[in-house]
Amino acid sequence: MSVYKIIELVGTSKDSWEDAAKSALSTAAKSLKDLRVAEVTKLDVVLNETGKIARFRAKLDVSFKVRT
C-alpha cells in the first residue's frame, strides 16, 4: 500500500512553457524525493508594458510518495 501527496507548483521561463515546467520540477526535485507524476493544469503568460510576452508560466500538480 502506498500514499501520495499532491502539491501545486508554478514554474516560469523566458523561453517556453516546457522550460517553465522543467524549472518547477527540477527545483522541487532538490528537496522532495520520490516524485511520481506531474500534470500540467494551466499555462499562461506574463506580458510586459508593450504587450509582448515577458514570461511563460506553467502550473503543475505534482505527486510524490509519502514515506511511512
PDB file of N, CA and C in Angstrom:
ATOM      1  N   MET A   1       0.844  -1.175   0.000  1.00  0.00           N
ATOM      2  CA  MET A   1       0.000   0.000   0.000  1.00  0.00           C
ATOM      3  C   MET A   1       0.886   1.233   0.000  1.00  0.00           C
ATOM      4  N   SER A   2       0.520   2.229  -0.795  1.00  0.00           N
ATOM      5  CA  SER A   2       1.293   3.465  -0.895  1.00  0.00           C
ATOM      6  C   SER A   2       0.392   4.669  -0.688  1.00  0.00           C
ATOM      7  N   VAL A   3       0.995   5.752  -0.223  1.00  0.00           N
ATOM      8  CA  VAL A   3       0.285   7.009  -0.033  1.00  0.00           C
ATOM      9  C   VAL A   3       1.064   8.092  -0.766  1.00  0.00           C
ATOM     10  N   TYR A   4       0.340   8.961  -1.468  1.00  0.00           N
ATOM     11  CA  TYR A   4       0.963  10.030  -2.227  1.00  0.00           C
ATOM     12  C   TYR A   4       0.385  11.374  -1.813  1.00  0.00           C
ATOM     13  N   LYS A   5       1.222  12.382  -1.804  1.00  0.00           N
ATOM     14  CA  LYS A   5       0.785  13.744  -1.535  1.00  0.00           C
ATOM     15  C   LYS A   5       0.851  14.506  -2.852  1.00  0.00           C
ATOM     16  N   ILE A   6      -0.095  15.414  -3.068  1.00  0.00           N
ATOM     17  CA  ILE A   6      -0.124  16.228  -4.278  1.00  0.00           C
ATOM     18  C   ILE A   6       0.058  17.688  -3.881  1.00  0.00           C
ATOM     19  N   ILE A   7       1.001  18.345  -4.550  1.00  0.00           N
ATOM     20  CA  ILE A   7       1.233  19.764  -4.324  1.00  0.00           C
ATOM     21  C   ILE A   7       1.118  20.511  -5.648  1.00  0.00           C
ATOM     22  N   GLU A   8       0.933  21.809  -5.563  1.00  0.00           N
ATOM     23  CA  GLU A   8       0.845  22.643  -6.754  1.00  0.00           C
ATOM     24  C   GLU A   8       2.130  23.462  -6.874  1.00  0.00           C
ATOM     25  N   LEU A   9       2.698  23.482  -8.075  1.00  0.00           N
ATOM     26  CA  LEU A   9       3.904  24.242  -8.360  1.00  0.00           C
ATOM     27  C   LEU A   9       3.649  25.170  -9.535  1.00  0.00           C
ATOM     28  N   VAL A  10       4.353  26.289  -9.567  1.00  0.00           N
ATOM     29  CA  VAL A  10       4.322  27.185 -10.718  1.00  0.00           C
ATOM     30  C   VAL A  10       5.762  27.459 -11.124  1.00  0.00           C
ATOM     31  N   GLY A  11       6.075  27.130 -12.363  1.00  0.00           N
ATOM     32  CA  GLY A  11       7.409  27.405 -12.900  1.00  0.00           C
ATOM     33  C   GLY A  11       7.336  28.503 -13.935  1.00  0.00           C
ATOM     34  N   THR A  12       8.432  29.241 -14.091  1.00  0.00           N
ATOM     35  CA  THR A  12       8.469  30.316 -15.084  1.00  0.00           C
ATOM     36  C   THR A  12       9.701  30.178 -15.972  1.00  0.00           C
ATOM     37  N   SER A  13       9.593  30.758 -17.161  1.00  0.00           N
ATOM     38  CA  SER A  13      10.705  30.756 -18.111  1.00  0.00           C
ATOM     39  C   SER A  13      10.541  31.919 -19.076  1.00  0.00           C
ATOM     40  N   LYS A  14      11.645  32.438 -19.555  1.00  0.00           N
ATOM     41  CA  LYS A  14      11.606  33.459 -20.605  1.00  0.00           C
ATOM     42  C   LYS A  14      11.366  32.832 -21.971  1.00  0.00           C
ATOM     43  N   ASP A  15      11.605  31.511 -22.090  1.00  0.00           N
ATOM     44  CA  ASP A  15      11.644  30.869 -23.398  1.00  0.00           C
ATOM     45  C   ASP A  15      10.417  30.056 -23.792  1.00  0.00           C
ATOM     46  N   SER A  16       9.852  29.254 -22.860  1.00  0.00           N
ATOM     47  CA  SER A  16       8.752  28.365 -23.261  1.00  0.00           C
ATOM     48  C   SER A  16       8.016  27.809 -22.051  1.00  0.00           C
ATOM     49  N   TRP A  17       6.814  27.286 -22.314  1.00  0.00           N
ATOM     50  CA  TRP A  17       6.061  26.604 -21.263  1.00  0.00           C
ATOM     51  C   TRP A  17       6.778  25.326 -20.834  1.00  0.00           C
ATOM     52  N   GLU A  18       7.380  24.639 -21.791  1.00  0.00           N
ATOM     53  CA  GLU A  18       8.103  23.415 -21.460  1.00  0.00           C
ATOM     54  C   GLU A  18       9.249  23.707 -20.489  1.00  0.00           C
ATOM     55  N   ASP A  19       9.998  24.757 -20.755  1.00  0.00           N
ATOM     56  CA  ASP A  19      11.085  25.127 -19.848  1.00  0.00           C
ATOM     57  C   ASP A  19      10.554  25.565 -18.482  1.00  0.00           C
ATOM     58  N   ALA A  20       9.385  26.204 -18.469  1.00  0.00           N
ATOM     59  CA  ALA A  20       8.778  26.603 -17.195  1.00  0.00           C
ATOM     60  C   ALA A  20       8.438  25.374 -16.358  1.00  0.00           C
ATOM     61  N   ALA A  21       7.866  24.357 -16.988  1.00  0.00           N
ATOM     62  CA  ALA A  21       7.528  23.118 -16.278  1.00  0.00           C
ATOM     63  C   ALA A  21       8.798  22.410 -15.792  1.00  0.00           C
ATOM     64  N   LYS A  22       9.807  22.352 -16.643  1.00  0.00           N
ATOM     65  CA  LYS A  22      11.072  21.721 -16.255  1.00  0.00           C
ATOM     66  C   LYS A  22      11.701  22.443 -15.071  1.00  0.00           C
ATOM     67  N   SER A  23      11.624  23.759 -15.074  1.00  0.00           N
ATOM     68  CA  SER A  23      12.180  24.553 -13.981  1.00  0.00           C
ATOM     69  C   SER A  23      11.508  24.217 -12.657  1.00  0.00           C
ATOM     70  N   ALA A  24      10.181  24.146 -12.665  1.00  0.00           N
ATOM     71  CA  ALA A  24       9.442  23.816 -11.441  1.00  0.00           C
ATOM     72  C   ALA A  24       9.820  22.428 -10.932  1.00  0.00           C
ATOM     73  N   LEU A  25       9.900  21.470 -11.841  1.00  0.00           N
ATOM     74  CA  LEU A  25      10.199  20.093 -11.426  1.00  0.00           C
ATOM     75  C   LEU A  25      11.635  19.918 -10.963  1.00  0.00           C
ATOM     76  N   SER A  26      12.577  20.570 -11.637  1.00  0.00           N
ATOM     77  CA  SER A  26      13.972  20.408 -11.215  1.00  0.00           C
ATOM     78  C   SER A  26      14.213  21.060  -9.856  1.00  0.00           C
ATOM     79  N   THR A  27      13.539  22.163  -9.590  1.00  0.00           N
ATOM     80  CA  THR A  27      13.664  22.800  -8.280  1.00  0.00           C
ATOM     81  C   THR A  27      13.028  21.938  -7.202  1.00  0.00           C
ATOM     82  N   ALA A  28      11.840  21.394  -7.477  1.00  0.00           N
ATOM     83  CA  ALA A  28      11.158  20.541  -6.497  1.00  0.00           C
ATOM     84  C   ALA A  28      11.973  19.286  -6.203  1.00  0.00           C
ATOM     85  N   ALA A  29      12.616  18.744  -7.209  1.00  0.00           N
ATOM     86  CA  ALA A  29      13.385  17.504  -7.039  1.00  0.00           C
ATOM     87  C   ALA A  29      14.586  17.677  -6.111  1.00  0.00           C
ATOM     88  N   LYS A  30      15.007  18.911  -5.878  1.00  0.00           N
ATOM     89  CA  LYS A  30      16.131  19.159  -4.970  1.00  0.00           C
ATOM     90  C   LYS A  30      15.760  18.901  -3.510  1.00  0.00           C
ATOM     91  N   SER A  31      14.469  19.075  -3.190  1.00  0.00           N
ATOM     92  CA  SER A  31      14.075  18.900  -1.786  1.00  0.00           C
ATOM     93  C   SER A  31      13.024  17.808  -1.569  1.00  0.00           C
ATOM     94  N   LEU A  32      12.396  17.327  -2.624  1.00  0.00           N
ATOM     95  CA  LEU A  32      11.386  16.275  -2.498  1.00  0.00           C
ATOM     96  C   LEU A  32      11.905  14.991  -3.137  1.00  0.00           C
ATOM     97  N   LYS A  33      11.633  13.884  -2.488  1.00  0.00           N
ATOM     98  CA  LYS A  33      12.050  12.577  -3.008  1.00  0.00           C
ATOM     99  C   LYS A  33      10.834  11.834  -3.547  1.00  0.00           C
ATOM    100  N   ASP A  34      11.095  10.888  -4.410  1.00  0.00           N
ATOM    101  CA  ASP A  34      10.063  10.004  -4.970  1.00  0.00           C
ATOM    102  C   ASP A  34       8.968  10.765  -5.716  1.00  0.00           C
ATOM    103  N   LEU A  35       9.362  11.782  -6.523  1.00  0.00           N
ATOM    104  CA  LEU A  35       8.372  12.441  -7.383  1.00  0.00           C
ATOM    105  C   LEU A  35       7.824  11.402  -8.346  1.00  0.00           C
ATOM    106  N   ARG A  36       6.507  11.398  -8.545  1.00  0.00           N
ATOM    107  CA  ARG A  36       5.890  10.344  -9.348  1.00  0.00           C
ATOM    108  C   ARG A  36       5.239  10.847 -10.623  1.00  0.00           C
ATOM    109  N   VAL A  37       4.302  11.776 -10.498  1.00  0.00           N
ATOM    110  CA  VAL A  37       3.520  12.237 -11.650  1.00  0.00           C
ATOM    111  C   VAL A  37       3.407  13.750 -11.581  1.00  0.00           C
ATOM    112  N   ALA A  38       3.517  14.388 -12.742  1.00  0.00           N
ATOM    113  CA  ALA A  38       3.281  15.824 -12.834  1.00  0.00           C
ATOM    114  C   ALA A  38       2.236  16.061 -13.918  1.00  0.00           C
ATOM    115  N   GLU A  39       1.207  16.796 -13.561  1.00  0.00           N
ATOM    116  CA  GLU A  39       0.140  17.112 -14.503  1.00  0.00           C
ATOM    117  C   GLU A  39       0.094  18.625 -14.694  1.00  0.00           C
ATOM    118  N   VAL A  40       0.267  19.074 -15.935  1.00  0.00           N
ATOM    119  CA  VAL A  40       0.163  20.497 -16.223  1.00  0.00           C
ATOM    120  C   VAL A  40      -1.314  20.869 -16.166  1.00  0.00           C
ATOM    121  N   THR A  41      -1.657  21.801 -15.286  1.00  0.00           N
ATOM    122  CA  THR A  41      -3.060  22.174 -15.102  1.00  0.00           C
ATOM    123  C   THR A  41      -3.408  23.519 -15.725  1.00  0.00           C
ATOM    124  N   LYS A  42      -2.390  24.350 -15.963  1.00  0.00           N
ATOM    125  CA  LYS A  42      -2.667  25.665 -16.540  1.00  0.00           C
ATOM    126  C   LYS A  42      -1.398  26.222 -17.163  1.00  0.00           C
ATOM    127  N   LEU A  43      -1.553  26.842 -18.318  1.00  0.00           N
ATOM    128  CA  LEU A  43      -0.472  27.550 -18.986  1.00  0.00           C
ATOM    129  C   LEU A  43      -0.911  28.992 -19.178  1.00  0.00           C
ATOM    130  N   ASP A  44      -0.026  29.932 -18.845  1.00  0.00           N
ATOM    131  CA  ASP A  44      -0.337  31.335 -19.117  1.00  0.00           C
ATOM    132  C   ASP A  44       0.954  32.097 -19.356  1.00  0.00           C
ATOM    133  N   VAL A  45       0.826  33.379 -19.661  1.00  0.00           N
ATOM    134  CA  VAL A  45       1.993  34.221 -19.912  1.00  0.00           C
ATOM    135  C   VAL A  45       1.862  35.515 -19.129  1.00  0.00           C
ATOM    136  N   VAL A  46       2.997  36.094 -18.824  1.00  0.00           N
ATOM    137  CA  VAL A  46       3.062  37.424 -18.223  1.00  0.00           C
ATOM    138  C   VAL A  46       3.492  38.372 -19.330  1.00  0.00           C
ATOM    139  N   LEU A  47       2.769  39.469 -19.472  1.00  0.00           N
ATOM    140  CA  LEU A  47       3.067  40.422 -20.537  1.00  0.00           C
ATOM    141  C   LEU A  47       3.859  41.603 -19.990  1.00  0.00           C
ATOM    142  N   ASN A  48       4.728  42.164 -20.848  1.00  0.00           N
ATOM    143  CA  ASN A  48       5.451  43.366 -20.436  1.00  0.00           C
ATOM    144  C   ASN A  48       4.601  44.600 -20.755  1.00  0.00           C
ATOM    145  N   GLU A  49       5.163  45.776 -20.518  1.00  0.00           N
ATOM    146  CA  GLU A  49       4.405  47.015 -20.686  1.00  0.00           C
ATOM    147  C   GLU A  49       3.985  47.290 -22.133  1.00  0.00           C
ATOM    148  N   THR A  50       4.630  46.638 -23.101  1.00  0.00           N
ATOM    149  CA  THR A  50       4.244  46.830 -24.505  1.00  0.00           C
ATOM    150  C   THR A  50       3.328  45.723 -25.017  1.00  0.00           C
ATOM    151  N   GLY A  51       2.955  44.800 -24.130  1.00  0.00           N
ATOM    152  CA  GLY A  51       2.044  43.730 -24.518  1.00  0.00           C
ATOM    153  C   GLY A  51       2.722  42.498 -25.081  1.00  0.00           C
ATOM    154  N   LYS A  52       4.035  42.454 -25.051  1.00  0.00           N
ATOM    155  CA  LYS A  52       4.765  41.276 -25.532  1.00  0.00           C
ATOM    156  C   LYS A  52       4.986  40.300 -24.374  1.00  0.00           C
ATOM    157  N   ILE A  53       5.193  39.045 -24.725  1.00  0.00           N
ATOM    158  CA  ILE A  53       5.394  38.015 -23.700  1.00  0.00           C
ATOM    159  C   ILE A  53       6.718  38.236 -22.978  1.00  0.00           C
ATOM    160  N   ALA A  54       6.632  38.369 -21.661  1.00  0.00           N
ATOM    161  CA  ALA A  54       7.823  38.521 -20.835  1.00  0.00           C
ATOM    162  C   ALA A  54       8.214  37.196 -20.180  1.00  0.00           C
ATOM    163  N   ARG A  55       7.231  36.397 -19.756  1.00  0.00           N
ATOM    164  CA  ARG A  55       7.464  35.119 -19.084  1.00  0.00           C
ATOM    165  C   ARG A  55       6.372  34.131 -19.445  1.00  0.00           C
ATOM    166  N   PHE A  56       6.769  32.885 -19.601  1.00  0.00           N
ATOM    167  CA  PHE A  56       5.826  31.779 -19.726  1.00  0.00           C
ATOM    168  C   PHE A  56       5.682  31.180 -18.335  1.00  0.00           C
ATOM    169  N   ARG A  57       4.456  30.809 -17.968  1.00  0.00           N
ATOM    170  CA  ARG A  57       4.222  30.178 -16.666  1.00  0.00           C
ATOM    171  C   ARG A  57       3.471  28.868 -16.864  1.00  0.00           C
ATOM    172  N   ALA A  58       3.901  27.854 -16.134  1.00  0.00           N
ATOM    173  CA  ALA A  58       3.243  26.548 -16.150  1.00  0.00           C
ATOM    174  C   ALA A  58       2.875  26.176 -14.721  1.00  0.00           C
ATOM    175  N   LYS A  59       1.597  25.889 -14.502  1.00  0.00           N
ATOM    176  CA  LYS A  59       1.129  25.432 -13.187  1.00  0.00           C
ATOM    177  C   LYS A  59       0.989  23.920 -13.266  1.00  0.00           C
ATOM    178  N   LEU A  60       1.545  23.215 -12.260  1.00  0.00           N
ATOM    179  CA  LEU A  60       1.538  21.757 -12.252  1.00  0.00           C
ATOM    180  C   LEU A  60       1.045  21.215 -10.921  1.00  0.00           C
ATOM    181  N   ASP A  61       0.326  20.115 -10.972  1.00  0.00           N
ATOM    182  CA  ASP A  61       0.042  19.300  -9.792  1.00  0.00           C
ATOM    183  C   ASP A  61       1.069  18.173  -9.816  1.00  0.00           C
ATOM    184  N   VAL A  62       1.816  18.044  -8.737  1.00  0.00           N
ATOM    185  CA  VAL A  62       2.908  17.069  -8.680  1.00  0.00           C
ATOM    186  C   VAL A  62       2.663  16.139  -7.486  1.00  0.00           C
ATOM    187  N   SER A  63       2.802  14.844  -7.734  1.00  0.00           N
ATOM    188  CA  SER A  63       2.625  13.890  -6.634  1.00  0.00           C
ATOM    189  C   SER A  63       3.974  13.272  -6.274  1.00  0.00           C
ATOM    190  N   PHE A  64       4.104  12.965  -4.998  1.00  0.00           N
ATOM    191  CA  PHE A  64       5.272  12.258  -4.517  1.00  0.00           C
ATOM    192  C   PHE A  64       4.855  11.283  -3.427  1.00  0.00           C
ATOM    193  N   LYS A  65       5.626  10.229  -3.317  1.00  0.00           N
ATOM    194  CA  LYS A  65       5.308   9.178  -2.369  1.00  0.00           C
ATOM    195  C   LYS A  65       5.629   9.643  -0.955  1.00  0.00           C
ATOM    196  N   VAL A  66       4.686   9.423  -0.044  1.00  0.00           N
ATOM    197  CA  VAL A  66       4.884   9.744   1.358  1.00  0.00           C
ATOM    198  C   VAL A  66       5.517   8.537   2.027  1.00  0.00           C
ATOM    199  N   ARG A  67       6.602   8.774   2.698  1.00  0.00           N
ATOM    200  CA  ARG A  67       7.301   7.679   3.385  1.00  0.00           C
ATOM    201  C   ARG A  67       6.654   7.431   4.723  1.00  0.00           C
ATOM    202  N   THR A  68       6.404   6.181   5.004  1.00  0.00           N
ATOM    203  CA  THR A  68       5.774   5.821   6.274  1.00  0.00           C
ATOM    204  C   THR A  68       6.743   5.137   7.198  1.00  0.00           C
TER     205      THR A  68
END
